[in-house]
């Protein structure tokens, strides 16, 4: 998953990504999430949990990277 931080902060994605192998990319638009909040709230809760875990891993990785750079 990528772009989760920008999605959460409602910002445009600023970085690109390159696949190392064949991949399938799914996009998620904010207007779709807003519609799903009404139509499928349990689905949105699950999605937000997954995004929360992804954001947590991103923060841990950023912290680990900054510690390595500071050394």
C-alpha atoms as a PDB file:
ATOM      1  CA  UNK A   1       0.000   0.000   0.000  1.00  0.00           C
ATOM      2  CA  UNK A   2       1.310   3.432  -0.812  1.00  0.00           C
ATOM      3  CA  UNK A   3      -0.135   6.914  -0.747  1.00  0.00           C
ATOM      4  CA  UNK A   4      -1.940   6.176   2.525  1.00  0.00           C
ATOM      5  CA  UNK A   5      -0.333   9.087   4.369  1.00  0.00           C
ATOM      6  CA  UNK A   6      -1.196  11.545   1.612  1.00  0.00           C
ATOM      7  CA  UNK A   7      -4.713  10.134   1.407  1.00  0.00           C
ATOM      8  CA  UNK A   8      -5.195  10.560   5.158  1.00  0.00           C
ATOM      9  CA  UNK A   9      -3.778  14.095   5.116  1.00  0.00           C
ATOM     10  CA  UNK A  10      -5.845  14.924   2.017  1.00  0.00           C
ATOM     11  CA  UNK A  11      -2.756  15.849   0.013  1.00  0.00           C
ATOM     12  CA  UNK A  12      -1.625  14.933  -3.485  1.00  0.00           C
ATOM     13  CA  UNK A  13       0.789  12.044  -3.701  1.00  0.00           C
ATOM     14  CA  UNK A  14       4.284  13.414  -4.254  1.00  0.00           C
ATOM     15  CA  UNK A  15       6.335  10.297  -4.961  1.00  0.00           C
ATOM     16  CA  UNK A  16       6.277   7.619  -7.606  1.00  0.00           C
ATOM     17  CA  UNK A  17       6.551   3.859  -7.322  1.00  0.00           C
ATOM     18  CA  UNK A  18       8.204   1.207  -9.453  1.00  0.00           C
ATOM     19  CA  UNK A  19       7.058  -2.425  -9.365  1.00  0.00           C
ATOM     20  CA  UNK A  20       9.735  -5.106  -9.140  1.00  0.00           C
ATOM     21  CA  UNK A  21       7.356  -7.717 -10.592  1.00  0.00           C
ATOM     22  CA  UNK A  22       3.969  -7.888 -12.295  1.00  0.00           C
ATOM     23  CA  UNK A  23       1.481  -6.001 -10.152  1.00  0.00           C
ATOM     24  CA  UNK A  24      -2.110  -4.932 -10.068  1.00  0.00           C
ATOM     25  CA  UNK A  25      -2.796  -1.417  -8.826  1.00  0.00           C
ATOM     26  CA  UNK A  26      -6.092  -0.387  -7.283  1.00  0.00           C
ATOM     27  CA  UNK A  27      -6.946   3.234  -6.672  1.00  0.00           C
ATOM     28  CA  UNK A  28      -9.276   4.637  -4.081  1.00  0.00           C
ATOM     29  CA  UNK A  29     -10.852   8.060  -4.457  1.00  0.00           C
ATOM     30  CA  UNK A  30     -12.046  10.116  -1.502  1.00  0.00           C
ATOM     31  CA  UNK A  31     -15.510  10.495  -3.020  1.00  0.00           C
ATOM     32  CA  UNK A  32     -15.820   6.709  -3.143  1.00  0.00           C
ATOM     33  CA  UNK A  33     -14.881   6.458   0.538  1.00  0.00           C
ATOM     34  CA  UNK A  34     -17.483   9.105   1.409  1.00  0.00           C
ATOM     35  CA  UNK A  35     -20.153   7.139  -0.482  1.00  0.00           C
ATOM     36  CA  UNK A  36     -19.098   3.886   1.160  1.00  0.00           C
ATOM     37  CA  UNK A  37     -19.315   5.497   4.609  1.00  0.00           C
ATOM     38  CA  UNK A  38     -23.070   5.641   4.028  1.00  0.00           C
ATOM     39  CA  UNK A  39     -23.593   2.483   1.964  1.00  0.00           C
ATOM     40  CA  UNK A  40     -21.042   0.086   3.520  1.00  0.00           C
ATOM     41  CA  UNK A  41     -19.843   1.492   6.876  1.00  0.00           C
ATOM     42  CA  UNK A  42     -18.359  -1.853   8.030  1.00  0.00           C
ATOM     43  CA  UNK A  43     -16.238  -1.982   4.891  1.00  0.00           C
ATOM     44  CA  UNK A  44     -14.916   1.532   5.552  1.00  0.00           C
ATOM     45  CA  UNK A  45     -14.084   0.637   9.162  1.00  0.00           C
ATOM     46  CA  UNK A  46     -12.068  -2.336   7.911  1.00  0.00           C
ATOM     47  CA  UNK A  47     -10.340  -0.180   5.316  1.00  0.00           C
ATOM     48  CA  UNK A  48      -9.441   2.426   7.930  1.00  0.00           C
ATOM     49  CA  UNK A  49      -7.989  -0.281  10.181  1.00  0.00           C
ATOM     50  CA  UNK A  50      -5.768  -1.506   7.344  1.00  0.00           C
ATOM     51  CA  UNK A  51      -4.710   2.069   6.541  1.00  0.00           C
ATOM     52  CA  UNK A  52      -3.976   2.693  10.230  1.00  0.00           C
ATOM     53  CA  UNK A  53      -1.694  -0.341  10.374  1.00  0.00           C
ATOM     54  CA  UNK A  54       0.035   0.760   7.190  1.00  0.00           C
ATOM     55  CA  UNK A  55       0.560   4.259   8.578  1.00  0.00           C
ATOM     56  CA  UNK A  56       1.968   2.757  11.763  1.00  0.00           C
ATOM     57  CA  UNK A  57       4.476   0.702   9.774  1.00  0.00           C
ATOM     58  CA  UNK A  58       5.396   3.786   7.749  1.00  0.00           C
ATOM     59  CA  UNK A  59       6.122   5.750  10.929  1.00  0.00           C
ATOM     60  CA  UNK A  60       8.201   2.911  12.389  1.00  0.00           C
ATOM     61  CA  UNK A  61      10.190   2.642   9.152  1.00  0.00           C
ATOM     62  CA  UNK A  62      10.715   6.416   9.004  1.00  0.00           C
ATOM     63  CA  UNK A  63      11.920   6.442  12.618  1.00  0.00           C
ATOM     64  CA  UNK A  64      14.268   3.523  11.986  1.00  0.00           C
ATOM     65  CA  UNK A  65      15.627   5.203   8.854  1.00  0.00           C
ATOM     66  CA  UNK A  66      16.223   8.508  10.656  1.00  0.00           C
ATOM     67  CA  UNK A  67      18.102   6.694  13.445  1.00  0.00           C
ATOM     68  CA  UNK A  68      20.378   5.045  10.865  1.00  0.00           C
ATOM     69  CA  UNK A  69      21.051   8.363   9.136  1.00  0.00           C
ATOM     70  CA  UNK A  70      21.866  10.134  12.417  1.00  0.00           C
ATOM     71  CA  UNK A  71      24.600   7.609  13.233  1.00  0.00           C
END
